[in-house]
């Protein structure tokens, strides 16, 4: 597996109309198959009045694993006319950890299999263009829980490493940190050392 992979930079939606049918391509970066499935379910629930919600995703099953899970469904469209074209766009652009759902509101005119293939491909391509593509390094999530006394120390370690994190201040302080795989163990060691072993790491 390479040191980096290509994925979409952000969540985005692209919309267009073909012969009366409205297509909405929704795309977002995801970190796991579960996150991809949750995104697919969320879009299907939000657009439950649509004629079709066609999902496709490519997700590396383990952050450091070779196994890439690919999935698509035609969601009631003619076989091979919807999910596969959407998935093919992700494959051709070599995108991983990326999920797409193309929503279609039927406009009364049949597009034929060729027309559907073009429309579902276009919806995926335009959503990806809208989102932008970035190179990411395989990463994992590290959860750090500390008392308030140690929270400033933990925050300064994370900031000095320029890591993405979210902090949740409740009875204790929990930091949810995204760390490149190659650096995760060194970060854990540094946090243990900085807090004299008081940090609870998961």
N, C-alpha and C. Protein backbone atom coordinates (compact mmCIF):
# COMPACT_ATOMS: atom_id res chain seq x y z
N UNK A 1 0.85 -1.21 0.00
CA UNK A 1 0.00 0.00 0.00
C UNK A 1 0.88 1.25 0.00
N UNK A 2 0.49 2.26 -0.78
CA UNK A 2 1.29 3.47 -0.86
C UNK A 2 1.15 4.28 0.43
N UNK A 3 2.09 5.23 0.57
CA UNK A 3 2.10 6.08 1.76
C UNK A 3 0.90 7.02 1.79
N UNK A 4 0.38 7.37 0.60
CA UNK A 4 -0.77 8.28 0.54
C UNK A 4 -1.85 7.67 -0.35
N UNK A 5 -3.03 8.23 -0.24
CA UNK A 5 -4.12 7.82 -1.14
C UNK A 5 -4.92 9.06 -1.51
N UNK A 6 -5.68 8.96 -2.59
CA UNK A 6 -6.49 10.08 -3.07
C UNK A 6 -7.92 9.92 -2.56
N UNK A 7 -8.49 11.01 -2.08
CA UNK A 7 -9.89 11.01 -1.67
C UNK A 7 -10.47 12.40 -1.91
N UNK A 8 -11.77 12.55 -1.65
CA UNK A 8 -12.37 13.88 -1.81
C UNK A 8 -12.03 14.73 -0.59
N UNK A 9 -11.90 16.04 -0.83
CA UNK A 9 -11.48 16.95 0.23
C UNK A 9 -12.61 17.24 1.21
N UNK A 10 -13.84 17.18 0.74
CA UNK A 10 -14.96 17.63 1.57
C UNK A 10 -16.25 17.00 1.07
N UNK A 11 -17.31 17.20 1.82
CA UNK A 11 -18.64 16.78 1.33
C UNK A 11 -19.11 17.81 0.31
N UNK A 12 -19.81 17.33 -0.73
CA UNK A 12 -20.31 18.25 -1.76
C UNK A 12 -21.51 17.62 -2.45
N UNK A 13 -22.30 18.48 -3.09
CA UNK A 13 -23.45 18.02 -3.88
C UNK A 13 -23.46 18.76 -5.21
N UNK A 14 -23.72 18.02 -6.29
CA UNK A 14 -23.86 18.62 -7.62
C UNK A 14 -25.24 18.27 -8.15
N UNK A 15 -25.89 19.21 -8.82
CA UNK A 15 -27.27 19.02 -9.30
C UNK A 15 -27.40 19.40 -10.76
N UNK A 16 -28.16 18.62 -11.53
CA UNK A 16 -28.50 18.99 -12.91
C UNK A 16 -29.77 18.25 -13.30
N UNK A 17 -30.34 18.65 -14.42
CA UNK A 17 -31.58 18.04 -14.91
C UNK A 17 -31.35 17.50 -16.32
N UNK A 18 -31.80 16.26 -16.56
CA UNK A 18 -31.73 15.65 -17.89
C UNK A 18 -33.14 15.21 -18.30
N UNK A 19 -33.67 15.83 -19.35
CA UNK A 19 -35.00 15.46 -19.88
C UNK A 19 -36.03 15.30 -18.76
N UNK A 20 -36.05 16.28 -17.86
CA UNK A 20 -37.07 16.31 -16.81
C UNK A 20 -36.68 15.60 -15.52
N UNK A 21 -35.70 14.68 -15.58
CA UNK A 21 -35.25 14.00 -14.36
C UNK A 21 -34.17 14.84 -13.68
N UNK A 22 -34.35 15.07 -12.36
CA UNK A 22 -33.34 15.81 -11.60
C UNK A 22 -32.38 14.81 -10.95
N UNK A 23 -31.08 15.06 -11.11
CA UNK A 23 -30.04 14.23 -10.49
C UNK A 23 -29.26 15.06 -9.48
N UNK A 24 -29.04 14.50 -8.30
CA UNK A 24 -28.22 15.15 -7.29
C UNK A 24 -27.11 14.16 -6.91
N UNK A 25 -25.87 14.54 -7.15
CA UNK A 25 -24.74 13.69 -6.75
C UNK A 25 -24.21 14.18 -5.41
N UNK A 26 -24.26 13.31 -4.41
CA UNK A 26 -23.75 13.65 -3.07
C UNK A 26 -22.47 12.85 -2.84
N UNK A 27 -21.40 13.49 -2.41
CA UNK A 27 -20.16 12.76 -2.14
C UNK A 27 -19.55 13.25 -0.83
N UNK A 28 -18.82 12.35 -0.15
CA UNK A 28 -18.11 12.79 1.05
C UNK A 28 -16.98 11.82 1.35
N UNK A 29 -15.92 12.31 2.04
CA UNK A 29 -14.87 11.39 2.49
C UNK A 29 -15.38 10.58 3.68
N UNK A 30 -14.99 9.32 3.78
CA UNK A 30 -15.38 8.46 4.90
C UNK A 30 -14.14 7.68 5.35
N UNK A 31 -14.14 7.25 6.61
CA UNK A 31 -12.96 6.57 7.14
C UNK A 31 -13.17 5.08 7.32
N UNK A 32 -14.39 4.60 7.10
CA UNK A 32 -14.66 3.18 7.33
C UNK A 32 -15.90 2.77 6.53
N UNK A 33 -16.07 1.46 6.39
CA UNK A 33 -17.27 0.95 5.73
C UNK A 33 -18.51 1.39 6.50
N UNK A 34 -18.44 1.35 7.83
CA UNK A 34 -19.59 1.78 8.66
C UNK A 34 -19.96 3.24 8.37
N UNK A 35 -18.94 4.09 8.25
CA UNK A 35 -19.20 5.51 7.97
C UNK A 35 -19.81 5.68 6.58
N UNK A 36 -19.34 4.87 5.62
CA UNK A 36 -19.90 4.92 4.27
C UNK A 36 -21.37 4.50 4.28
N UNK A 37 -21.67 3.40 4.99
CA UNK A 37 -23.05 2.91 5.08
C UNK A 37 -23.95 3.94 5.77
N UNK A 38 -23.41 4.59 6.81
CA UNK A 38 -24.19 5.60 7.54
C UNK A 38 -24.52 6.78 6.63
N UNK A 39 -23.56 7.18 5.80
CA UNK A 39 -23.78 8.28 4.85
C UNK A 39 -24.85 7.89 3.83
N UNK A 40 -24.76 6.67 3.31
CA UNK A 40 -25.74 6.18 2.34
C UNK A 40 -27.14 6.19 2.97
N UNK A 41 -27.24 5.69 4.20
CA UNK A 41 -28.54 5.66 4.89
C UNK A 41 -29.08 7.06 5.15
N UNK A 42 -28.16 7.99 5.50
CA UNK A 42 -28.59 9.35 5.82
C UNK A 42 -29.16 10.05 4.58
N UNK A 43 -28.47 9.87 3.44
CA UNK A 43 -28.96 10.50 2.20
C UNK A 43 -30.30 9.87 1.79
N UNK A 44 -30.39 8.54 1.90
CA UNK A 44 -31.65 7.86 1.53
C UNK A 44 -32.80 8.33 2.40
N UNK A 45 -32.53 8.60 3.70
CA UNK A 45 -33.58 9.07 4.61
C UNK A 45 -33.95 10.52 4.28
N UNK A 46 -32.95 11.33 3.97
CA UNK A 46 -33.20 12.75 3.69
C UNK A 46 -33.97 12.93 2.38
N UNK A 47 -33.68 12.05 1.39
CA UNK A 47 -34.33 12.15 0.08
C UNK A 47 -35.23 10.94 -0.13
N UNK A 48 -36.02 10.61 0.89
CA UNK A 48 -36.85 9.40 0.80
C UNK A 48 -38.02 9.56 -0.16
N UNK A 49 -38.24 10.80 -0.65
CA UNK A 49 -39.29 11.01 -1.66
C UNK A 49 -38.74 10.86 -3.08
N UNK A 50 -37.42 10.58 -3.21
CA UNK A 50 -36.82 10.45 -4.54
C UNK A 50 -37.19 9.11 -5.16
N UNK A 51 -37.07 9.03 -6.49
CA UNK A 51 -37.35 7.77 -7.19
C UNK A 51 -36.25 6.75 -6.91
N UNK A 52 -35.00 7.21 -6.89
CA UNK A 52 -33.86 6.32 -6.64
C UNK A 52 -32.80 7.06 -5.83
N UNK A 53 -32.13 6.33 -4.94
CA UNK A 53 -30.92 6.82 -4.26
C UNK A 53 -29.85 5.75 -4.50
N UNK A 54 -28.95 6.02 -5.43
CA UNK A 54 -27.99 5.01 -5.90
C UNK A 54 -26.65 5.21 -5.18
N UNK A 55 -26.21 4.20 -4.38
CA UNK A 55 -24.97 4.34 -3.62
C UNK A 55 -23.77 3.67 -4.30
N UNK A 56 -22.59 4.20 -4.04
CA UNK A 56 -21.34 3.55 -4.42
C UNK A 56 -20.25 4.03 -3.48
N UNK A 57 -19.35 3.14 -3.09
CA UNK A 57 -18.22 3.58 -2.29
C UNK A 57 -17.02 2.67 -2.47
N UNK A 58 -15.84 3.23 -2.18
CA UNK A 58 -14.58 2.48 -2.15
C UNK A 58 -13.91 2.84 -0.83
N UNK A 59 -13.75 1.87 0.04
CA UNK A 59 -13.20 2.11 1.38
C UNK A 59 -12.16 1.05 1.71
N UNK A 60 -11.01 1.50 2.22
CA UNK A 60 -10.01 0.54 2.67
C UNK A 60 -10.50 -0.03 4.00
N UNK A 61 -10.64 -1.35 4.05
CA UNK A 61 -11.29 -1.99 5.20
C UNK A 61 -10.52 -1.76 6.50
N UNK A 62 -9.20 -1.78 6.43
CA UNK A 62 -8.35 -1.47 7.59
C UNK A 62 -7.45 -0.32 7.16
N UNK A 63 -7.15 0.62 8.08
CA UNK A 63 -6.33 1.76 7.68
C UNK A 63 -5.01 1.33 7.04
N UNK A 64 -4.39 0.25 7.57
CA UNK A 64 -3.09 -0.17 7.04
C UNK A 64 -3.22 -1.44 6.20
N UNK A 65 -4.46 -1.82 5.86
CA UNK A 65 -4.68 -3.08 5.16
C UNK A 65 -4.67 -2.91 3.65
N UNK A 66 -4.50 -4.02 2.96
CA UNK A 66 -4.50 -4.00 1.50
C UNK A 66 -5.93 -4.15 0.95
N UNK A 67 -6.85 -4.57 1.79
CA UNK A 67 -8.19 -4.93 1.31
C UNK A 67 -9.04 -3.69 1.08
N UNK A 68 -9.47 -3.51 -0.17
CA UNK A 68 -10.32 -2.37 -0.51
C UNK A 68 -11.73 -2.88 -0.75
N UNK A 69 -12.68 -2.35 0.00
CA UNK A 69 -14.08 -2.78 -0.15
C UNK A 69 -14.76 -1.86 -1.16
N UNK A 70 -15.28 -2.45 -2.22
CA UNK A 70 -16.02 -1.68 -3.22
C UNK A 70 -17.47 -2.13 -3.21
N UNK A 71 -18.38 -1.18 -3.28
CA UNK A 71 -19.80 -1.52 -3.25
C UNK A 71 -20.58 -0.56 -4.13
N UNK A 72 -21.57 -1.10 -4.82
CA UNK A 72 -22.52 -0.23 -5.52
C UNK A 72 -23.85 -0.97 -5.66
N UNK A 73 -24.92 -0.20 -5.84
CA UNK A 73 -26.26 -0.79 -6.03
C UNK A 73 -27.01 0.07 -7.04
N UNK A 74 -27.82 -0.56 -7.87
CA UNK A 74 -28.62 0.19 -8.84
C UNK A 74 -29.91 0.76 -8.23
N UNK A 75 -30.26 0.33 -7.04
CA UNK A 75 -31.45 0.82 -6.33
C UNK A 75 -32.69 0.91 -7.23
N UNK A 76 -32.93 -0.19 -7.97
CA UNK A 76 -34.16 -0.23 -8.77
C UNK A 76 -34.01 0.23 -10.21
N UNK A 77 -32.88 0.88 -10.55
CA UNK A 77 -32.63 1.24 -11.95
C UNK A 77 -32.25 -0.05 -12.71
N UNK A 78 -32.32 -0.05 -14.05
CA UNK A 78 -31.93 -1.25 -14.82
C UNK A 78 -30.51 -1.70 -14.45
N UNK A 79 -30.30 -3.00 -14.39
CA UNK A 79 -29.02 -3.56 -13.95
C UNK A 79 -27.84 -2.97 -14.71
N UNK A 80 -26.85 -2.50 -13.93
CA UNK A 80 -25.62 -1.97 -14.53
C UNK A 80 -25.70 -0.54 -15.03
N UNK A 81 -26.88 0.11 -14.86
CA UNK A 81 -27.05 1.45 -15.45
C UNK A 81 -26.76 2.59 -14.47
N UNK A 82 -26.57 2.28 -13.18
CA UNK A 82 -26.52 3.35 -12.19
C UNK A 82 -25.35 3.20 -11.21
N UNK A 83 -25.40 2.16 -10.37
CA UNK A 83 -24.37 1.99 -9.34
C UNK A 83 -22.99 1.77 -9.92
N UNK A 84 -22.89 0.90 -10.95
CA UNK A 84 -21.58 0.59 -11.53
C UNK A 84 -20.96 1.82 -12.19
N UNK A 85 -21.72 2.59 -12.98
CA UNK A 85 -21.13 3.81 -13.54
C UNK A 85 -20.63 4.78 -12.47
N UNK A 86 -21.38 4.90 -11.36
CA UNK A 86 -20.93 5.79 -10.27
C UNK A 86 -19.63 5.26 -9.67
N UNK A 87 -19.59 3.94 -9.41
CA UNK A 87 -18.38 3.33 -8.84
C UNK A 87 -17.20 3.45 -9.81
N UNK A 88 -17.48 3.31 -11.11
CA UNK A 88 -16.40 3.41 -12.10
C UNK A 88 -15.71 4.77 -12.06
N UNK A 89 -16.47 5.83 -11.81
CA UNK A 89 -15.86 7.17 -11.71
C UNK A 89 -14.87 7.20 -10.55
N UNK A 90 -15.27 6.64 -9.40
CA UNK A 90 -14.36 6.61 -8.24
C UNK A 90 -13.12 5.79 -8.55
N UNK A 91 -13.31 4.66 -9.27
CA UNK A 91 -12.18 3.79 -9.62
C UNK A 91 -11.25 4.48 -10.61
N UNK A 92 -11.84 5.09 -11.65
CA UNK A 92 -11.01 5.75 -12.68
C UNK A 92 -10.20 6.90 -12.09
N UNK A 93 -10.76 7.58 -11.08
CA UNK A 93 -10.04 8.70 -10.47
C UNK A 93 -9.19 8.22 -9.29
N UNK A 94 -9.16 6.91 -9.07
CA UNK A 94 -8.33 6.29 -8.03
C UNK A 94 -8.63 6.88 -6.65
N UNK A 95 -9.93 7.02 -6.36
CA UNK A 95 -10.35 7.58 -5.07
C UNK A 95 -10.65 6.46 -4.08
N UNK A 96 -10.19 6.64 -2.85
CA UNK A 96 -10.46 5.69 -1.77
C UNK A 96 -11.11 6.45 -0.61
N UNK A 97 -11.67 5.67 0.32
CA UNK A 97 -12.30 6.26 1.51
C UNK A 97 -13.24 7.40 1.09
N UNK A 98 -14.11 7.02 0.16
CA UNK A 98 -14.98 7.99 -0.49
C UNK A 98 -16.31 7.31 -0.78
N UNK A 99 -17.42 7.99 -0.47
CA UNK A 99 -18.76 7.43 -0.72
C UNK A 99 -19.57 8.44 -1.52
N UNK A 100 -20.41 7.89 -2.42
CA UNK A 100 -21.27 8.75 -3.22
C UNK A 100 -22.69 8.17 -3.22
N UNK A 101 -23.67 9.05 -3.23
CA UNK A 101 -25.06 8.64 -3.45
C UNK A 101 -25.63 9.58 -4.51
N UNK A 102 -26.16 9.00 -5.59
CA UNK A 102 -26.81 9.82 -6.61
C UNK A 102 -28.32 9.68 -6.45
N UNK A 103 -28.96 10.80 -6.17
CA UNK A 103 -30.42 10.85 -5.99
C UNK A 103 -31.05 11.23 -7.33
N UNK A 104 -32.12 10.50 -7.71
CA UNK A 104 -32.82 10.84 -8.95
C UNK A 104 -34.30 11.04 -8.68
N UNK A 105 -34.81 12.16 -9.15
CA UNK A 105 -36.26 12.40 -9.19
C UNK A 105 -36.71 12.20 -10.64
N UNK A 106 -37.48 11.19 -10.88
CA UNK A 106 -37.91 10.82 -12.25
C UNK A 106 -38.79 11.92 -12.83
N UNK A 107 -38.47 12.27 -14.08
CA UNK A 107 -39.19 13.39 -14.69
C UNK A 107 -40.20 13.00 -15.74
N UNK A 108 -40.48 11.68 -15.88
CA UNK A 108 -41.53 11.28 -16.80
C UNK A 108 -41.04 10.79 -18.16
N UNK A 109 -39.75 10.98 -18.44
CA UNK A 109 -39.20 10.50 -19.72
C UNK A 109 -38.13 9.46 -19.44
N UNK A 110 -38.25 8.26 -20.03
CA UNK A 110 -37.22 7.25 -19.86
C UNK A 110 -35.94 7.68 -20.58
N UNK A 111 -34.81 7.49 -19.91
CA UNK A 111 -33.54 7.92 -20.50
C UNK A 111 -32.84 6.78 -21.24
N UNK A 112 -33.32 5.54 -21.03
CA UNK A 112 -32.62 4.40 -21.63
C UNK A 112 -31.36 4.09 -20.85
N UNK A 113 -30.84 2.88 -21.02
CA UNK A 113 -29.67 2.48 -20.24
C UNK A 113 -28.48 3.39 -20.51
N UNK A 114 -28.23 3.71 -21.79
CA UNK A 114 -27.11 4.60 -22.12
C UNK A 114 -27.25 5.97 -21.47
N UNK A 115 -28.45 6.51 -21.51
CA UNK A 115 -28.69 7.82 -20.88
C UNK A 115 -28.50 7.78 -19.38
N UNK A 116 -28.92 6.68 -18.76
CA UNK A 116 -28.75 6.53 -17.32
C UNK A 116 -27.26 6.43 -16.95
N UNK A 117 -26.53 5.61 -17.72
CA UNK A 117 -25.09 5.47 -17.47
C UNK A 117 -24.42 6.84 -17.51
N UNK A 118 -24.74 7.62 -18.54
CA UNK A 118 -24.14 8.96 -18.67
C UNK A 118 -24.54 9.86 -17.51
N UNK A 119 -25.81 9.83 -17.12
CA UNK A 119 -26.31 10.72 -16.06
C UNK A 119 -25.69 10.36 -14.70
N UNK A 120 -25.64 9.06 -14.36
CA UNK A 120 -25.08 8.67 -13.06
C UNK A 120 -23.57 8.91 -13.01
N UNK A 121 -22.89 8.70 -14.15
CA UNK A 121 -21.45 9.02 -14.21
C UNK A 121 -21.24 10.52 -14.02
N UNK A 122 -22.05 11.31 -14.73
CA UNK A 122 -21.90 12.76 -14.67
C UNK A 122 -22.16 13.28 -13.25
N UNK A 123 -23.20 12.76 -12.60
CA UNK A 123 -23.53 13.22 -11.24
C UNK A 123 -22.37 12.95 -10.29
N UNK A 124 -21.74 11.78 -10.45
CA UNK A 124 -20.60 11.44 -9.58
C UNK A 124 -19.41 12.32 -9.89
N UNK A 125 -19.09 12.48 -11.18
CA UNK A 125 -17.94 13.31 -11.59
C UNK A 125 -18.09 14.74 -11.10
N UNK A 126 -19.30 15.30 -11.30
CA UNK A 126 -19.49 16.71 -10.92
C UNK A 126 -19.44 16.90 -9.41
N UNK A 127 -19.95 15.92 -8.66
CA UNK A 127 -19.87 16.01 -7.19
C UNK A 127 -18.42 15.95 -6.73
N UNK A 128 -17.64 15.05 -7.36
CA UNK A 128 -16.21 14.94 -7.01
C UNK A 128 -15.48 16.24 -7.35
N UNK A 129 -15.78 16.82 -8.52
CA UNK A 129 -15.15 18.10 -8.89
C UNK A 129 -15.50 19.19 -7.90
N UNK A 130 -16.76 19.19 -7.47
CA UNK A 130 -17.23 20.19 -6.49
C UNK A 130 -16.49 20.03 -5.16
N UNK A 131 -16.26 18.78 -4.77
CA UNK A 131 -15.62 18.49 -3.48
C UNK A 131 -14.12 18.77 -3.51
N UNK A 132 -13.50 18.53 -4.68
CA UNK A 132 -12.04 18.64 -4.78
C UNK A 132 -11.38 17.34 -4.32
N UNK A 133 -10.18 17.09 -4.81
CA UNK A 133 -9.44 15.86 -4.49
C UNK A 133 -8.19 16.21 -3.71
N UNK A 134 -7.91 15.44 -2.68
CA UNK A 134 -6.70 15.66 -1.87
C UNK A 134 -5.94 14.34 -1.71
N UNK A 135 -4.67 14.47 -1.41
CA UNK A 135 -3.85 13.30 -1.04
C UNK A 135 -3.90 13.20 0.48
N UNK A 136 -4.22 12.03 0.98
CA UNK A 136 -4.25 11.81 2.44
C UNK A 136 -3.27 10.71 2.80
N UNK A 137 -2.79 10.75 4.03
CA UNK A 137 -1.99 9.64 4.52
C UNK A 137 -2.88 8.74 5.36
N UNK A 138 -2.68 7.42 5.27
CA UNK A 138 -3.49 6.52 6.11
C UNK A 138 -3.37 6.94 7.57
N UNK A 139 -4.50 7.04 8.25
CA UNK A 139 -4.47 7.54 9.62
C UNK A 139 -5.39 6.70 10.51
N UNK A 140 -5.27 6.90 11.79
CA UNK A 140 -6.17 6.27 12.74
C UNK A 140 -6.64 7.30 13.74
N UNK A 141 -7.67 6.96 14.50
CA UNK A 141 -8.16 7.87 15.54
C UNK A 141 -7.60 7.44 16.88
N UNK A 142 -7.11 8.39 17.62
CA UNK A 142 -6.64 8.15 18.98
C UNK A 142 -7.50 9.01 19.90
N UNK A 143 -8.06 8.38 20.94
CA UNK A 143 -8.86 9.13 21.91
C UNK A 143 -8.03 9.29 23.19
N UNK A 144 -7.92 10.54 23.63
CA UNK A 144 -7.12 10.84 24.83
C UNK A 144 -8.05 11.46 25.87
N UNK A 145 -8.14 10.83 27.04
CA UNK A 145 -8.97 11.37 28.10
C UNK A 145 -8.09 11.74 29.29
N UNK A 146 -8.22 13.00 29.76
CA UNK A 146 -7.40 13.48 30.88
C UNK A 146 -8.25 14.37 31.79
N UNK A 147 -7.72 14.60 33.00
CA UNK A 147 -8.33 15.59 33.89
C UNK A 147 -8.02 16.99 33.34
N UNK A 148 -8.77 17.97 33.84
CA UNK A 148 -8.57 19.35 33.38
C UNK A 148 -7.13 19.80 33.57
N UNK A 149 -6.49 19.37 34.67
CA UNK A 149 -5.11 19.80 34.96
C UNK A 149 -4.16 19.46 33.82
N UNK A 150 -4.41 18.34 33.15
CA UNK A 150 -3.50 17.91 32.08
C UNK A 150 -3.97 18.34 30.69
N UNK A 151 -5.15 18.95 30.60
CA UNK A 151 -5.72 19.22 29.27
C UNK A 151 -4.88 20.22 28.47
N UNK A 152 -4.33 21.22 29.15
CA UNK A 152 -3.51 22.22 28.45
C UNK A 152 -2.24 21.58 27.88
N UNK A 153 -1.66 20.66 28.65
CA UNK A 153 -0.45 19.96 28.21
C UNK A 153 -0.75 19.14 26.96
N UNK A 154 -1.86 18.39 27.01
CA UNK A 154 -2.23 17.55 25.87
C UNK A 154 -2.50 18.42 24.64
N UNK A 155 -3.25 19.51 24.85
CA UNK A 155 -3.57 20.39 23.72
C UNK A 155 -2.29 20.94 23.09
N UNK A 156 -1.32 21.36 23.90
CA UNK A 156 -0.09 21.93 23.32
C UNK A 156 0.73 20.88 22.58
N UNK A 157 0.70 19.61 23.06
CA UNK A 157 1.39 18.54 22.32
C UNK A 157 0.73 18.36 20.95
N UNK A 158 -0.60 18.29 20.94
CA UNK A 158 -1.33 18.07 19.67
C UNK A 158 -1.12 19.24 18.71
N UNK A 159 -1.14 20.45 19.25
CA UNK A 159 -0.96 21.62 18.38
C UNK A 159 0.47 21.68 17.84
N UNK A 160 1.45 21.30 18.66
CA UNK A 160 2.85 21.32 18.20
C UNK A 160 3.08 20.31 17.09
N UNK A 161 2.26 19.23 17.08
CA UNK A 161 2.37 18.21 16.03
C UNK A 161 1.47 18.55 14.82
N UNK A 162 0.74 19.66 14.92
CA UNK A 162 -0.17 20.11 13.85
C UNK A 162 -1.19 19.02 13.49
N UNK A 163 -1.75 18.38 14.52
CA UNK A 163 -2.72 17.31 14.31
C UNK A 163 -4.15 17.85 14.36
N UNK A 164 -5.04 17.22 13.58
CA UNK A 164 -6.47 17.56 13.65
C UNK A 164 -7.06 16.91 14.89
N UNK A 165 -7.81 17.67 15.68
CA UNK A 165 -8.46 17.06 16.84
C UNK A 165 -9.69 17.85 17.24
N UNK A 166 -10.57 17.17 17.99
CA UNK A 166 -11.72 17.83 18.59
C UNK A 166 -11.64 17.58 20.09
N UNK A 167 -11.97 18.59 20.88
CA UNK A 167 -11.91 18.46 22.34
C UNK A 167 -13.32 18.55 22.92
N UNK A 168 -13.60 17.67 23.88
CA UNK A 168 -14.92 17.63 24.52
C UNK A 168 -14.71 17.82 26.02
N UNK A 169 -15.15 18.98 26.54
CA UNK A 169 -14.92 19.30 27.95
C UNK A 169 -16.15 18.92 28.77
N UNK A 170 -16.05 17.81 29.48
CA UNK A 170 -17.13 17.40 30.38
C UNK A 170 -16.54 17.16 31.76
N UNK A 171 -16.89 16.04 32.41
CA UNK A 171 -16.30 15.76 33.73
C UNK A 171 -14.78 15.64 33.59
N UNK A 172 -14.36 14.99 32.50
CA UNK A 172 -12.95 14.98 32.12
C UNK A 172 -12.88 15.60 30.72
N UNK A 173 -11.68 15.74 30.20
CA UNK A 173 -11.53 16.31 28.86
C UNK A 173 -11.12 15.19 27.91
N UNK A 174 -11.87 15.05 26.81
CA UNK A 174 -11.58 14.01 25.83
C UNK A 174 -11.18 14.65 24.51
N UNK A 175 -10.02 14.24 24.01
CA UNK A 175 -9.54 14.70 22.71
C UNK A 175 -9.67 13.56 21.71
N UNK A 176 -10.33 13.85 20.60
CA UNK A 176 -10.46 12.87 19.52
C UNK A 176 -9.49 13.31 18.43
N UNK A 177 -8.43 12.53 18.22
CA UNK A 177 -7.31 12.98 17.40
C UNK A 177 -7.16 12.10 16.17
N UNK A 178 -6.91 12.72 15.03
CA UNK A 178 -6.61 11.97 13.82
C UNK A 178 -5.10 12.00 13.61
N UNK A 179 -4.48 10.81 13.57
CA UNK A 179 -3.03 10.71 13.53
C UNK A 179 -2.59 9.83 12.35
N UNK A 180 -1.60 10.28 11.56
CA UNK A 180 -1.04 9.37 10.55
C UNK A 180 -0.57 8.08 11.22
N UNK A 181 -0.87 6.95 10.57
CA UNK A 181 -0.54 5.64 11.16
C UNK A 181 0.90 5.56 11.61
N UNK A 182 1.81 6.06 10.78
CA UNK A 182 3.24 5.93 11.06
C UNK A 182 3.65 6.69 12.33
N UNK A 183 2.81 7.65 12.75
CA UNK A 183 3.19 8.50 13.90
C UNK A 183 2.38 8.21 15.16
N UNK A 184 1.43 7.29 15.07
CA UNK A 184 0.49 7.09 16.19
C UNK A 184 1.18 6.61 17.46
N UNK A 185 2.10 5.65 17.31
CA UNK A 185 2.74 5.10 18.51
C UNK A 185 3.63 6.14 19.19
N UNK A 186 4.35 6.93 18.39
CA UNK A 186 5.21 7.98 18.94
C UNK A 186 4.36 9.02 19.68
N UNK A 187 3.18 9.34 19.13
CA UNK A 187 2.30 10.30 19.80
C UNK A 187 1.84 9.75 21.14
N UNK A 188 1.43 8.48 21.16
CA UNK A 188 0.98 7.88 22.43
C UNK A 188 2.10 7.97 23.48
N UNK A 189 3.33 7.65 23.06
CA UNK A 189 4.47 7.70 24.00
C UNK A 189 4.66 9.13 24.51
N UNK A 190 4.56 10.10 23.60
CA UNK A 190 4.78 11.49 23.98
C UNK A 190 3.71 11.97 24.97
N UNK A 191 2.46 11.56 24.74
CA UNK A 191 1.37 11.98 25.63
C UNK A 191 1.51 11.31 27.00
N UNK A 192 1.89 10.04 27.01
CA UNK A 192 2.10 9.36 28.31
C UNK A 192 3.19 10.08 29.10
N UNK A 193 4.27 10.41 28.39
CA UNK A 193 5.41 11.07 29.03
C UNK A 193 5.01 12.46 29.53
N UNK A 194 4.30 13.23 28.70
CA UNK A 194 3.93 14.61 29.05
C UNK A 194 2.99 14.66 30.25
N UNK A 195 2.17 13.60 30.43
CA UNK A 195 1.19 13.60 31.53
C UNK A 195 1.59 12.64 32.64
N UNK A 196 2.85 12.21 32.61
CA UNK A 196 3.35 11.24 33.61
C UNK A 196 2.45 10.01 33.71
N UNK A 197 1.96 9.56 32.54
CA UNK A 197 1.15 8.34 32.51
C UNK A 197 -0.30 8.52 32.90
N UNK A 198 -0.73 9.77 33.13
CA UNK A 198 -2.13 9.99 33.59
C UNK A 198 -3.13 9.96 32.44
N UNK A 199 -2.66 10.15 31.22
CA UNK A 199 -3.58 10.19 30.07
C UNK A 199 -4.13 8.79 29.82
N UNK A 200 -5.45 8.71 29.62
CA UNK A 200 -6.11 7.45 29.25
C UNK A 200 -6.21 7.43 27.73
N UNK A 201 -5.46 6.51 27.09
CA UNK A 201 -5.38 6.49 25.63
C UNK A 201 -6.13 5.31 25.06
N UNK A 202 -6.92 5.55 24.01
CA UNK A 202 -7.65 4.45 23.36
C UNK A 202 -7.50 4.60 21.85
